Amino acid sequence: GLGYFKEALGLTDPESKGKKELLIMPCGSMKDPAACAMEAAKRYVGPLWQSFNKELGGKEAAKSALDAMGIDIHILSAKHGLIPADTLIENYDHEMTPERIREIIGDKTLSETIRDTIKKYDPDKVHLATGKKYSQLITEVMGREYPTIFPAGTGQGSQRAVLTDFLKRKKKDVGKKKQEPTGKYYRGGFVDKPLYEQPRMVG
């Protein structure tokens, strides 16, 4: 079928599609000033990243904690566009201005990377831990909205708490999945949902 051809052409990643989730974090102005190239997720040291690392057991433990949750993390950077968290980057100083957003949208390589990366995941498994400017960039490139985990008007301090809660929930979900058998037994077979979701009126 069509799915087979898409896989053959490398248009879908069977490992991640439908299973893994994508968390997109913003870059930040506060960075580790080390002169050597370092992993992007370790370069950023601002408040949101501090909460992120604290909840996941520190910078060194973060990746394996996310792997256990089935979450891939990418960073939306004002300089580099959308990059995997383990991409080695130099220190830099770029701001996500409206002009820079236009440049990224107009840059074929950067905009196609955003599109190709996000399309690997089911839309309901894409989570933006980003503020308005970053979310707007993704909406424009993708031609559709992906909800941010932050309620409208959330300040920086509240964003830290929301991100921490999000990660805590995901950790709990992993714990639950380990305990529960997958699916339930209905009418001669295991299915993920009961055949009748809605209660039916009985006369």
N, C-alpha and C. Protein backbone atom coordinates (compact mmCIF):
# COMPACT_ATOMS: atom_id res chain seq x y z
N GLY A 1 0.84 -1.20 0.00
CA GLY A 1 0.00 0.00 0.00
C GLY A 1 0.87 1.25 0.00
N LEU A 2 0.18 2.38 0.13
CA LEU A 2 0.85 3.68 0.11
C LEU A 2 1.88 3.80 1.23
N GLY A 3 1.54 3.27 2.40
CA GLY A 3 2.46 3.33 3.54
C GLY A 3 3.80 2.71 3.23
N TYR A 4 3.74 1.59 2.47
CA TYR A 4 4.98 0.89 2.12
C TYR A 4 5.86 1.79 1.26
N PHE A 5 5.25 2.45 0.25
CA PHE A 5 6.02 3.32 -0.62
C PHE A 5 6.60 4.50 0.14
N LYS A 6 5.80 5.06 1.07
CA LYS A 6 6.30 6.18 1.87
C LYS A 6 7.52 5.75 2.67
N GLU A 7 7.42 4.53 3.25
CA GLU A 7 8.56 4.04 4.04
C GLU A 7 9.77 3.83 3.15
N ALA A 8 9.53 3.25 1.96
CA ALA A 8 10.63 2.98 1.03
C ALA A 8 11.32 4.28 0.62
N LEU A 9 10.53 5.34 0.51
CA LEU A 9 11.10 6.63 0.12
C LEU A 9 11.66 7.40 1.31
N GLY A 10 11.51 6.82 2.49
CA GLY A 10 12.01 7.49 3.69
C GLY A 10 11.14 8.64 4.15
N LEU A 11 9.86 8.64 3.71
CA LEU A 11 8.98 9.76 4.08
C LEU A 11 8.41 9.59 5.48
N THR A 12 8.42 8.38 5.99
CA THR A 12 7.95 8.21 7.36
C THR A 12 9.02 7.47 8.13
N ASP A 13 9.04 7.71 9.39
CA ASP A 13 9.95 6.99 10.26
C ASP A 13 9.08 6.05 11.08
N PRO A 14 9.02 4.76 10.71
CA PRO A 14 8.10 3.85 11.38
C PRO A 14 8.35 3.76 12.88
N GLU A 15 9.57 4.05 13.31
CA GLU A 15 9.86 3.97 14.75
C GLU A 15 9.14 5.06 15.53
N SER A 16 9.13 6.29 14.97
CA SER A 16 8.60 7.40 15.76
C SER A 16 7.14 7.67 15.47
N LYS A 17 6.71 7.51 14.22
CA LYS A 17 5.33 7.86 13.87
C LYS A 17 4.36 7.05 14.69
N GLY A 18 3.49 7.73 15.38
CA GLY A 18 2.45 7.04 16.13
C GLY A 18 2.89 6.60 17.50
N LYS A 19 4.19 6.56 17.76
CA LYS A 19 4.65 6.09 19.06
C LYS A 19 5.29 7.21 19.86
N LYS A 20 6.36 7.75 19.31
CA LYS A 20 7.11 8.74 20.07
C LYS A 20 6.45 10.11 20.05
N GLU A 21 6.78 10.89 21.05
CA GLU A 21 6.27 12.26 21.13
C GLU A 21 7.43 13.21 20.88
N LEU A 22 7.08 14.43 20.48
CA LEU A 22 8.10 15.44 20.20
C LEU A 22 7.87 16.63 21.11
N LEU A 23 8.90 17.00 21.85
CA LEU A 23 8.86 18.20 22.68
C LEU A 23 9.80 19.22 22.05
N ILE A 24 9.25 20.40 21.74
CA ILE A 24 10.07 21.46 21.15
C ILE A 24 10.30 22.54 22.20
N MET A 25 11.57 22.76 22.51
CA MET A 25 11.97 23.76 23.49
C MET A 25 12.58 24.96 22.75
N PRO A 26 12.48 26.16 23.34
CA PRO A 26 13.10 27.32 22.72
C PRO A 26 14.57 27.40 23.13
N CYS A 27 15.37 28.08 22.29
CA CYS A 27 16.73 28.39 22.72
C CYS A 27 16.60 29.46 23.81
N GLY A 28 17.67 30.00 24.29
CA GLY A 28 17.57 31.03 25.31
C GLY A 28 18.76 31.95 25.22
N SER A 29 18.61 33.16 25.74
CA SER A 29 19.71 34.12 25.65
C SER A 29 20.83 33.76 26.63
N MET A 30 20.46 33.06 27.73
CA MET A 30 21.50 32.66 28.69
C MET A 30 22.14 31.35 28.23
N LYS A 31 23.46 31.41 27.97
CA LYS A 31 24.14 30.23 27.46
C LYS A 31 25.42 29.98 28.23
N ASP A 32 25.84 28.73 28.23
CA ASP A 32 27.14 28.38 28.77
C ASP A 32 28.18 29.02 27.82
N PRO A 33 29.08 29.85 28.35
CA PRO A 33 29.99 30.60 27.46
C PRO A 33 31.19 29.79 26.97
N ALA A 34 31.24 28.50 27.27
CA ALA A 34 32.40 27.69 26.88
C ALA A 34 32.72 27.87 25.40
N ALA A 35 34.00 27.98 25.09
CA ALA A 35 34.42 28.25 23.71
C ALA A 35 34.27 27.02 22.81
N CYS A 36 34.33 25.83 23.40
CA CYS A 36 34.23 24.63 22.57
C CYS A 36 32.77 24.39 22.16
N ALA A 37 32.59 23.62 21.09
CA ALA A 37 31.23 23.23 20.69
C ALA A 37 30.68 22.28 21.75
N MET A 38 29.39 22.42 22.06
CA MET A 38 28.77 21.51 23.01
C MET A 38 27.34 21.21 22.59
N GLU A 39 26.77 20.13 23.17
CA GLU A 39 25.39 19.76 22.82
C GLU A 39 24.45 20.93 23.12
N ALA A 40 23.53 21.16 22.18
CA ALA A 40 22.62 22.30 22.30
C ALA A 40 21.88 22.30 23.65
N ALA A 41 21.41 21.14 24.07
CA ALA A 41 20.63 21.08 25.32
C ALA A 41 21.48 21.46 26.54
N LYS A 42 22.79 21.33 26.41
CA LYS A 42 23.67 21.70 27.54
C LYS A 42 24.17 23.14 27.41
N ARG A 43 24.06 23.69 26.21
CA ARG A 43 24.50 25.07 25.97
C ARG A 43 23.58 26.06 26.69
N TYR A 44 22.27 25.78 26.67
CA TYR A 44 21.31 26.74 27.23
C TYR A 44 21.18 26.56 28.73
N VAL A 45 21.26 27.67 29.47
CA VAL A 45 21.28 27.58 30.94
C VAL A 45 20.26 28.54 31.58
N GLY A 46 19.32 29.03 30.77
CA GLY A 46 18.31 29.96 31.29
C GLY A 46 17.32 29.29 32.23
N PRO A 47 16.39 30.07 32.81
CA PRO A 47 15.46 29.56 33.82
C PRO A 47 14.64 28.35 33.36
N LEU A 48 14.13 28.39 32.13
CA LEU A 48 13.30 27.27 31.64
C LEU A 48 14.13 25.99 31.55
N TRP A 49 15.37 26.16 31.09
CA TRP A 49 16.27 25.00 30.98
C TRP A 49 16.70 24.49 32.35
N GLN A 50 16.81 25.40 33.31
CA GLN A 50 17.14 24.95 34.67
C GLN A 50 16.04 24.05 35.22
N SER A 51 14.79 24.46 35.02
CA SER A 51 13.65 23.65 35.49
C SER A 51 13.59 22.32 34.75
N PHE A 52 13.83 22.37 33.45
CA PHE A 52 13.82 21.18 32.60
C PHE A 52 14.84 20.16 33.13
N ASN A 53 16.07 20.60 33.33
CA ASN A 53 17.13 19.68 33.77
C ASN A 53 16.90 19.19 35.20
N LYS A 54 16.39 20.08 36.05
CA LYS A 54 16.15 19.69 37.44
C LYS A 54 15.12 18.56 37.52
N GLU A 55 14.04 18.70 36.73
CA GLU A 55 12.98 17.68 36.76
C GLU A 55 13.46 16.35 36.18
N LEU A 56 14.44 16.39 35.28
CA LEU A 56 14.91 15.16 34.62
C LEU A 56 16.18 14.60 35.26
N GLY A 57 16.57 15.15 36.41
CA GLY A 57 17.70 14.58 37.13
C GLY A 57 19.06 15.12 36.72
N GLY A 58 19.07 16.32 36.11
CA GLY A 58 20.34 16.95 35.73
C GLY A 58 20.64 16.83 34.25
N LYS A 59 21.56 17.67 33.77
CA LYS A 59 21.89 17.72 32.34
C LYS A 59 22.31 16.37 31.78
N GLU A 60 23.10 15.64 32.54
CA GLU A 60 23.64 14.37 32.02
C GLU A 60 22.56 13.29 31.94
N ALA A 61 21.56 13.38 32.82
CA ALA A 61 20.52 12.33 32.87
C ALA A 61 19.32 12.63 31.99
N ALA A 62 19.22 13.88 31.50
CA ALA A 62 18.00 14.31 30.82
C ALA A 62 17.64 13.45 29.62
N LYS A 63 18.64 13.14 28.78
CA LYS A 63 18.33 12.41 27.55
C LYS A 63 17.78 11.01 27.83
N SER A 64 18.40 10.30 28.75
CA SER A 64 17.90 8.94 29.02
C SER A 64 16.53 8.99 29.70
N ALA A 65 16.29 10.04 30.51
CA ALA A 65 14.96 10.19 31.14
C ALA A 65 13.90 10.40 30.06
N LEU A 66 14.21 11.23 29.07
CA LEU A 66 13.25 11.49 27.98
C LEU A 66 13.06 10.25 27.12
N ASP A 67 14.15 9.51 26.86
CA ASP A 67 14.04 8.27 26.08
C ASP A 67 13.08 7.30 26.76
N ALA A 68 13.17 7.21 28.08
CA ALA A 68 12.29 6.31 28.83
C ALA A 68 10.82 6.74 28.70
N MET A 69 10.61 8.04 28.54
CA MET A 69 9.24 8.56 28.38
C MET A 69 8.75 8.48 26.94
N GLY A 70 9.65 8.09 26.02
CA GLY A 70 9.26 8.05 24.61
C GLY A 70 9.16 9.44 23.99
N ILE A 71 9.99 10.37 24.49
CA ILE A 71 9.94 11.75 24.00
C ILE A 71 11.26 12.12 23.32
N ASP A 72 11.15 12.63 22.10
CA ASP A 72 12.31 13.22 21.41
C ASP A 72 12.27 14.72 21.69
N ILE A 73 13.43 15.30 21.89
CA ILE A 73 13.46 16.75 22.13
C ILE A 73 14.26 17.45 21.03
N HIS A 74 13.65 18.49 20.48
CA HIS A 74 14.31 19.35 19.52
C HIS A 74 14.26 20.78 20.05
N ILE A 75 15.20 21.58 19.59
CA ILE A 75 15.29 22.97 20.06
C ILE A 75 15.09 23.90 18.87
N LEU A 76 14.22 24.89 19.07
CA LEU A 76 14.02 25.90 18.03
C LEU A 76 14.94 27.07 18.35
N SER A 77 15.96 27.21 17.52
CA SER A 77 17.02 28.19 17.77
C SER A 77 16.92 29.34 16.78
N ALA A 78 17.13 30.55 17.29
CA ALA A 78 17.08 31.73 16.43
C ALA A 78 18.18 31.67 15.36
N LYS A 79 19.28 31.01 15.66
CA LYS A 79 20.36 30.91 14.68
C LYS A 79 20.24 29.67 13.80
N HIS A 80 19.98 28.51 14.44
CA HIS A 80 20.09 27.24 13.73
C HIS A 80 18.77 26.66 13.23
N GLY A 81 17.64 27.26 13.58
CA GLY A 81 16.36 26.66 13.23
C GLY A 81 16.04 25.52 14.19
N LEU A 82 15.37 24.47 13.70
CA LEU A 82 14.97 23.36 14.57
C LEU A 82 16.04 22.28 14.54
N ILE A 83 16.65 22.01 15.69
CA ILE A 83 17.76 21.04 15.75
C ILE A 83 17.55 20.02 16.87
N PRO A 84 18.03 18.78 16.68
CA PRO A 84 17.99 17.82 17.78
C PRO A 84 18.80 18.34 18.97
N ALA A 85 18.37 17.97 20.17
CA ALA A 85 18.99 18.51 21.38
C ALA A 85 20.47 18.16 21.52
N ASP A 86 20.90 17.07 20.84
CA ASP A 86 22.31 16.67 20.99
C ASP A 86 23.20 17.23 19.87
N THR A 87 22.66 18.15 19.06
CA THR A 87 23.47 18.79 18.01
C THR A 87 24.57 19.63 18.66
N LEU A 88 25.79 19.49 18.19
CA LEU A 88 26.90 20.28 18.74
C LEU A 88 26.87 21.69 18.15
N ILE A 89 26.82 22.68 19.03
CA ILE A 89 26.78 24.08 18.55
C ILE A 89 27.81 24.92 19.31
N GLU A 90 28.27 25.95 18.63
CA GLU A 90 29.17 26.94 19.25
C GLU A 90 28.31 27.94 20.02
N ASN A 91 28.95 28.73 20.85
CA ASN A 91 28.22 29.82 21.52
C ASN A 91 27.83 30.85 20.46
N TYR A 92 26.68 31.49 20.63
CA TYR A 92 26.24 32.48 19.64
C TYR A 92 25.30 33.46 20.31
N ASP A 93 24.98 34.53 19.60
CA ASP A 93 24.07 35.52 20.16
C ASP A 93 23.11 35.98 19.07
N HIS A 94 21.97 35.30 18.97
CA HIS A 94 20.93 35.66 18.01
C HIS A 94 19.62 35.76 18.77
N GLU A 95 18.76 36.68 18.35
CA GLU A 95 17.46 36.81 19.01
C GLU A 95 16.37 36.48 18.00
N MET A 96 15.26 35.88 18.50
CA MET A 96 14.14 35.53 17.62
C MET A 96 13.27 36.77 17.42
N THR A 97 13.72 37.65 16.55
CA THR A 97 12.98 38.88 16.24
C THR A 97 11.99 38.58 15.10
N PRO A 98 11.00 39.47 14.88
CA PRO A 98 10.11 39.27 13.71
C PRO A 98 10.89 39.17 12.40
N GLU A 99 12.00 39.94 12.29
CA GLU A 99 12.82 39.88 11.08
C GLU A 99 13.48 38.50 10.93
N ARG A 100 13.97 37.97 12.07
CA ARG A 100 14.62 36.66 12.02
C ARG A 100 13.60 35.56 11.67
N ILE A 101 12.38 35.69 12.17
CA ILE A 101 11.32 34.72 11.83
C ILE A 101 11.10 34.71 10.32
N ARG A 102 11.05 35.93 9.71
CA ARG A 102 10.85 36.02 8.25
C ARG A 102 12.02 35.35 7.51
N GLU A 103 13.24 35.57 8.04
CA GLU A 103 14.43 34.98 7.41
C GLU A 103 14.37 33.45 7.44
N ILE A 104 13.98 32.90 8.60
CA ILE A 104 13.92 31.44 8.73
C ILE A 104 12.86 30.87 7.78
N ILE A 105 11.69 31.54 7.73
CA ILE A 105 10.62 31.07 6.83
C ILE A 105 11.11 31.12 5.37
N GLY A 106 11.89 32.15 5.04
CA GLY A 106 12.39 32.31 3.67
C GLY A 106 13.59 31.44 3.34
N ASP A 107 14.20 30.85 4.35
CA ASP A 107 15.38 30.00 4.14
C ASP A 107 14.91 28.57 3.90
N LYS A 108 15.07 28.11 2.64
CA LYS A 108 14.52 26.80 2.25
C LYS A 108 15.02 25.67 3.15
N THR A 109 16.31 25.67 3.44
CA THR A 109 16.88 24.59 4.25
C THR A 109 16.29 24.59 5.66
N LEU A 110 16.26 25.76 6.30
CA LEU A 110 15.77 25.83 7.67
C LEU A 110 14.27 25.50 7.75
N SER A 111 13.48 26.05 6.81
CA SER A 111 12.03 25.81 6.89
C SER A 111 11.69 24.36 6.54
N GLU A 112 12.42 23.76 5.59
CA GLU A 112 12.15 22.36 5.24
C GLU A 112 12.55 21.43 6.38
N THR A 113 13.61 21.77 7.10
CA THR A 113 14.00 20.94 8.25
C THR A 113 12.91 20.96 9.31
N ILE A 114 12.33 22.13 9.57
CA ILE A 114 11.23 22.23 10.53
C ILE A 114 10.07 21.34 10.07
N ARG A 115 9.70 21.48 8.78
CA ARG A 115 8.56 20.71 8.25
C ARG A 115 8.82 19.21 8.33
N ASP A 116 10.00 18.79 7.83
CA ASP A 116 10.31 17.35 7.78
C ASP A 116 10.36 16.74 9.17
N THR A 117 10.92 17.48 10.13
CA THR A 117 11.04 16.95 11.49
C THR A 117 9.67 16.77 12.12
N ILE A 118 8.85 17.82 12.07
CA ILE A 118 7.55 17.76 12.76
C ILE A 118 6.61 16.76 12.10
N LYS A 119 6.73 16.60 10.78
CA LYS A 119 5.84 15.66 10.07
C LYS A 119 6.08 14.21 10.44
N LYS A 120 7.21 13.92 11.09
CA LYS A 120 7.49 12.54 11.48
C LYS A 120 6.60 12.09 12.64
N TYR A 121 5.94 13.03 13.29
CA TYR A 121 5.17 12.72 14.50
C TYR A 121 3.68 12.97 14.27
N ASP A 122 2.86 12.18 14.96
CA ASP A 122 1.42 12.46 14.94
C ASP A 122 1.21 13.86 15.51
N PRO A 123 0.34 14.66 14.87
CA PRO A 123 0.14 16.04 15.35
C PRO A 123 -0.22 16.14 16.82
N ASP A 124 -0.98 15.17 17.34
CA ASP A 124 -1.37 15.27 18.75
C ASP A 124 -0.26 14.84 19.70
N LYS A 125 0.90 14.48 19.13
CA LYS A 125 2.04 14.12 19.98
C LYS A 125 3.18 15.12 19.84
N VAL A 126 2.85 16.28 19.30
CA VAL A 126 3.83 17.37 19.18
C VAL A 126 3.50 18.41 20.26
N HIS A 127 4.44 18.66 21.15
CA HIS A 127 4.22 19.59 22.26
C HIS A 127 5.21 20.74 22.16
N LEU A 128 4.70 21.95 22.14
CA LEU A 128 5.57 23.13 22.08
C LEU A 128 5.72 23.73 23.47
N ALA A 129 6.95 23.75 23.97
CA ALA A 129 7.22 24.44 25.24
C ALA A 129 7.82 25.80 24.86
N THR A 130 7.08 26.52 24.03
CA THR A 130 7.61 27.75 23.45
C THR A 130 6.64 28.90 23.66
N GLY A 131 7.21 30.11 23.67
CA GLY A 131 6.40 31.31 23.76
C GLY A 131 5.82 31.68 22.41
N LYS A 132 5.18 32.83 22.38
CA LYS A 132 4.39 33.26 21.21
C LYS A 132 5.20 33.32 19.91
N LYS A 133 6.37 33.96 19.95
CA LYS A 133 7.14 34.15 18.71
C LYS A 133 7.56 32.82 18.10
N TYR A 134 8.03 31.91 18.94
CA TYR A 134 8.50 30.62 18.45
C TYR A 134 7.33 29.79 17.92
N SER A 135 6.20 29.83 18.65
CA SER A 135 5.02 29.07 18.23
C SER A 135 4.49 29.61 16.90
N GLN A 136 4.54 30.93 16.75
CA GLN A 136 4.08 31.57 15.52
C GLN A 136 4.93 31.13 14.32
N LEU A 137 6.23 31.00 14.54
CA LEU A 137 7.13 30.54 13.48
C LEU A 137 6.72 29.14 13.01
N ILE A 138 6.46 28.24 13.95
CA ILE A 138 6.09 26.87 13.61
C ILE A 138 4.73 26.85 12.89
N THR A 139 3.77 27.64 13.38
CA THR A 139 2.46 27.73 12.73
C THR A 139 2.61 28.16 11.27
N GLU A 140 3.43 29.17 11.03
CA GLU A 140 3.60 29.69 9.67
C GLU A 140 4.28 28.68 8.76
N VAL A 141 5.30 28.01 9.26
CA VAL A 141 6.03 27.04 8.43
C VAL A 141 5.15 25.81 8.15
N MET A 142 4.40 25.36 9.16
CA MET A 142 3.62 24.12 9.02
C MET A 142 2.25 24.36 8.37
N GLY A 143 1.79 25.61 8.38
CA GLY A 143 0.47 25.89 7.83
C GLY A 143 -0.65 25.39 8.72
N ARG A 144 -0.34 25.16 9.99
CA ARG A 144 -1.35 24.73 10.97
C ARG A 144 -0.82 25.01 12.36
N GLU A 145 -1.72 25.06 13.32
CA GLU A 145 -1.29 25.33 14.68
C GLU A 145 -0.96 24.05 15.43
N TYR A 146 0.06 24.12 16.21
CA TYR A 146 0.36 23.06 17.19
C TYR A 146 0.28 23.75 18.55
N PRO A 147 -0.49 23.20 19.46
CA PRO A 147 -0.70 23.92 20.72
C PRO A 147 0.57 23.98 21.57
N THR A 148 0.77 25.13 22.19
CA THR A 148 1.85 25.24 23.17
C THR A 148 1.34 24.70 24.50
N ILE A 149 2.24 24.17 25.32
CA ILE A 149 1.81 23.64 26.63
C ILE A 149 1.53 24.80 27.60
N PHE A 150 1.93 26.02 27.21
CA PHE A 150 1.74 27.17 28.11
C PHE A 150 0.42 27.87 27.83
N PRO A 151 -0.44 28.05 28.84
CA PRO A 151 -1.66 28.82 28.62
C PRO A 151 -1.32 30.25 28.22
N ALA A 152 -2.23 30.90 27.48
CA ALA A 152 -2.00 32.28 27.02
C ALA A 152 -1.68 33.18 28.20
N GLY A 153 -0.71 34.05 28.00
CA GLY A 153 -0.37 35.02 29.04
C GLY A 153 0.50 34.48 30.17
N THR A 154 1.00 33.24 30.01
CA THR A 154 1.85 32.65 31.05
C THR A 154 3.21 33.36 31.08
N GLY A 155 3.57 33.91 32.24
CA GLY A 155 4.87 34.58 32.38
C GLY A 155 5.98 33.56 32.53
N GLN A 156 7.22 34.05 32.53
CA GLN A 156 8.37 33.14 32.55
C GLN A 156 8.39 32.24 33.79
N GLY A 157 8.09 32.82 34.95
CA GLY A 157 8.07 32.01 36.18
C GLY A 157 7.04 30.90 36.10
N SER A 158 5.84 31.24 35.59
CA SER A 158 4.78 30.23 35.47
C SER A 158 5.13 29.19 34.41
N GLN A 159 5.84 29.61 33.36
CA GLN A 159 6.24 28.65 32.33
C GLN A 159 7.10 27.54 32.93
N ARG A 160 7.97 27.91 33.85
CA ARG A 160 8.82 26.90 34.49
C ARG A 160 7.97 25.86 35.21
N ALA A 161 6.93 26.34 35.92
CA ALA A 161 6.06 25.43 36.68
C ALA A 161 5.26 24.54 35.72
N VAL A 162 4.77 25.13 34.61
CA VAL A 162 3.97 24.36 33.64
C VAL A 162 4.84 23.27 32.99
N LEU A 163 6.07 23.62 32.63
CA LEU A 163 6.97 22.64 32.01
C LEU A 163 7.28 21.50 32.99
N THR A 164 7.53 21.87 34.25
CA THR A 164 7.80 20.85 35.27
C THR A 164 6.61 19.91 35.42
N ASP A 165 5.40 20.48 35.46
CA ASP A 165 4.18 19.65 35.58
C ASP A 165 4.02 18.73 34.38
N PHE A 166 4.30 19.27 33.19
CA PHE A 166 4.20 18.48 31.96
C PHE A 166 5.13 17.26 32.04
N LEU A 167 6.37 17.49 32.44
CA LEU A 167 7.35 16.39 32.53
C LEU A 167 6.96 15.40 33.63
N LYS A 168 6.44 15.91 34.74
CA LYS A 168 5.98 15.02 35.83
C LYS A 168 4.87 14.09 35.33
N ARG A 169 3.92 14.67 34.57
CA ARG A 169 2.80 13.87 34.03
C ARG A 169 3.32 12.79 33.10
N LYS A 170 4.29 13.14 32.26
CA LYS A 170 4.84 12.17 31.32
C LYS A 170 5.56 11.04 32.06
N LYS A 171 6.23 11.38 33.14
CA LYS A 171 6.91 10.35 33.95
C LYS A 171 5.89 9.39 34.55
N LYS A 172 4.78 9.98 35.04
CA LYS A 172 3.71 9.14 35.63
C LYS A 172 3.12 8.21 34.59
N ASP A 173 2.94 8.74 33.36
CA ASP A 173 2.38 7.92 32.27
C ASP A 173 3.25 6.71 32.00
N VAL A 174 4.56 6.89 32.07
CA VAL A 174 5.49 5.76 31.85
C VAL A 174 5.26 4.71 32.94
N GLY A 175 5.13 5.17 34.17
CA GLY A 175 4.89 4.25 35.29
C GLY A 175 3.60 3.47 35.10
N LYS A 176 2.57 4.16 34.65
CA LYS A 176 1.26 3.50 34.44
C LYS A 176 1.35 2.46 33.35
N LYS A 177 2.04 2.83 32.25
CA LYS A 177 2.14 1.90 31.11
C LYS A 177 2.82 0.60 31.51
N LYS A 178 3.79 0.70 32.42
CA LYS A 178 4.50 -0.51 32.84
C LYS A 178 3.58 -1.43 33.63
N GLN A 179 2.62 -0.84 34.35
CA GLN A 179 1.74 -1.65 35.20
C GLN A 179 0.56 -2.24 34.43
N GLU A 180 0.04 -1.47 33.46
CA GLU A 180 -1.19 -1.90 32.79
C GLU A 180 -0.90 -2.84 31.64
N PRO A 181 -1.75 -3.88 31.46
CA PRO A 181 -1.65 -4.65 30.21
C PRO A 181 -2.15 -3.75 29.09
N THR A 182 -1.64 -3.95 27.88
CA THR A 182 -2.10 -3.08 26.79
C THR A 182 -3.47 -3.57 26.33
N GLY A 183 -4.40 -2.66 26.26
CA GLY A 183 -5.74 -3.00 25.79
C GLY A 183 -6.54 -3.76 26.83
N LYS A 184 -7.78 -4.01 26.53
CA LYS A 184 -8.65 -4.75 27.44
C LYS A 184 -9.37 -5.82 26.64
N TYR A 185 -9.89 -6.80 27.34
CA TYR A 185 -10.52 -7.91 26.64
C TYR A 185 -11.98 -7.58 26.36
N TYR A 186 -12.36 -7.54 25.11
CA TYR A 186 -13.75 -7.32 24.72
C TYR A 186 -14.13 -8.30 23.63
N ARG A 187 -15.21 -9.03 23.83
CA ARG A 187 -15.79 -9.86 22.77
C ARG A 187 -14.77 -10.65 21.97
N GLY A 188 -14.01 -11.44 22.66
CA GLY A 188 -13.16 -12.38 21.94
C GLY A 188 -11.82 -11.84 21.47
N GLY A 189 -11.40 -10.68 21.95
CA GLY A 189 -10.09 -10.21 21.53
C GLY A 189 -9.67 -8.99 22.30
N PHE A 190 -8.39 -8.69 22.30
CA PHE A 190 -7.90 -7.49 22.97
C PHE A 190 -8.03 -6.31 22.02
N VAL A 191 -8.64 -5.25 22.50
CA VAL A 191 -8.70 -4.01 21.72
C VAL A 191 -8.35 -2.86 22.65
N ASP A 192 -7.97 -1.76 22.04
CA ASP A 192 -7.56 -0.62 22.86
C ASP A 192 -8.74 0.12 23.47
N LYS A 193 -9.88 0.06 22.79
CA LYS A 193 -11.04 0.79 23.32
C LYS A 193 -12.23 -0.14 23.35
N PRO A 194 -13.17 0.08 24.26
CA PRO A 194 -14.40 -0.71 24.23
C PRO A 194 -15.13 -0.41 22.92
N LEU A 195 -15.92 -1.39 22.45
CA LEU A 195 -16.62 -1.20 21.21
C LEU A 195 -17.67 -0.10 21.33
N TYR A 196 -18.23 0.03 22.52
CA TYR A 196 -19.22 1.09 22.73
C TYR A 196 -18.69 2.08 23.73
N GLU A 197 -18.24 3.23 23.22
CA GLU A 197 -17.67 4.25 24.13
C GLU A 197 -18.79 4.95 24.88
N GLN A 198 -19.92 5.19 24.18
CA GLN A 198 -20.99 5.95 24.79
C GLN A 198 -21.96 5.01 25.51
N PRO A 199 -22.45 5.44 26.69
CA PRO A 199 -23.49 4.62 27.32
C PRO A 199 -24.73 4.68 26.44
N ARG A 200 -25.39 3.53 26.24
CA ARG A 200 -26.55 3.52 25.35
C ARG A 200 -27.83 3.50 26.19
N MET A 201 -28.84 4.14 25.68
CA MET A 201 -30.12 4.16 26.39
C MET A 201 -30.75 2.79 26.31
N VAL A 202 -31.18 2.29 27.42
CA VAL A 202 -31.87 1.00 27.41
C VAL A 202 -33.30 1.27 27.81
N GLY A 203 -34.25 0.90 26.91
CA GLY A 203 -35.67 1.25 27.16
C GLY A 203 -36.30 0.30 28.16
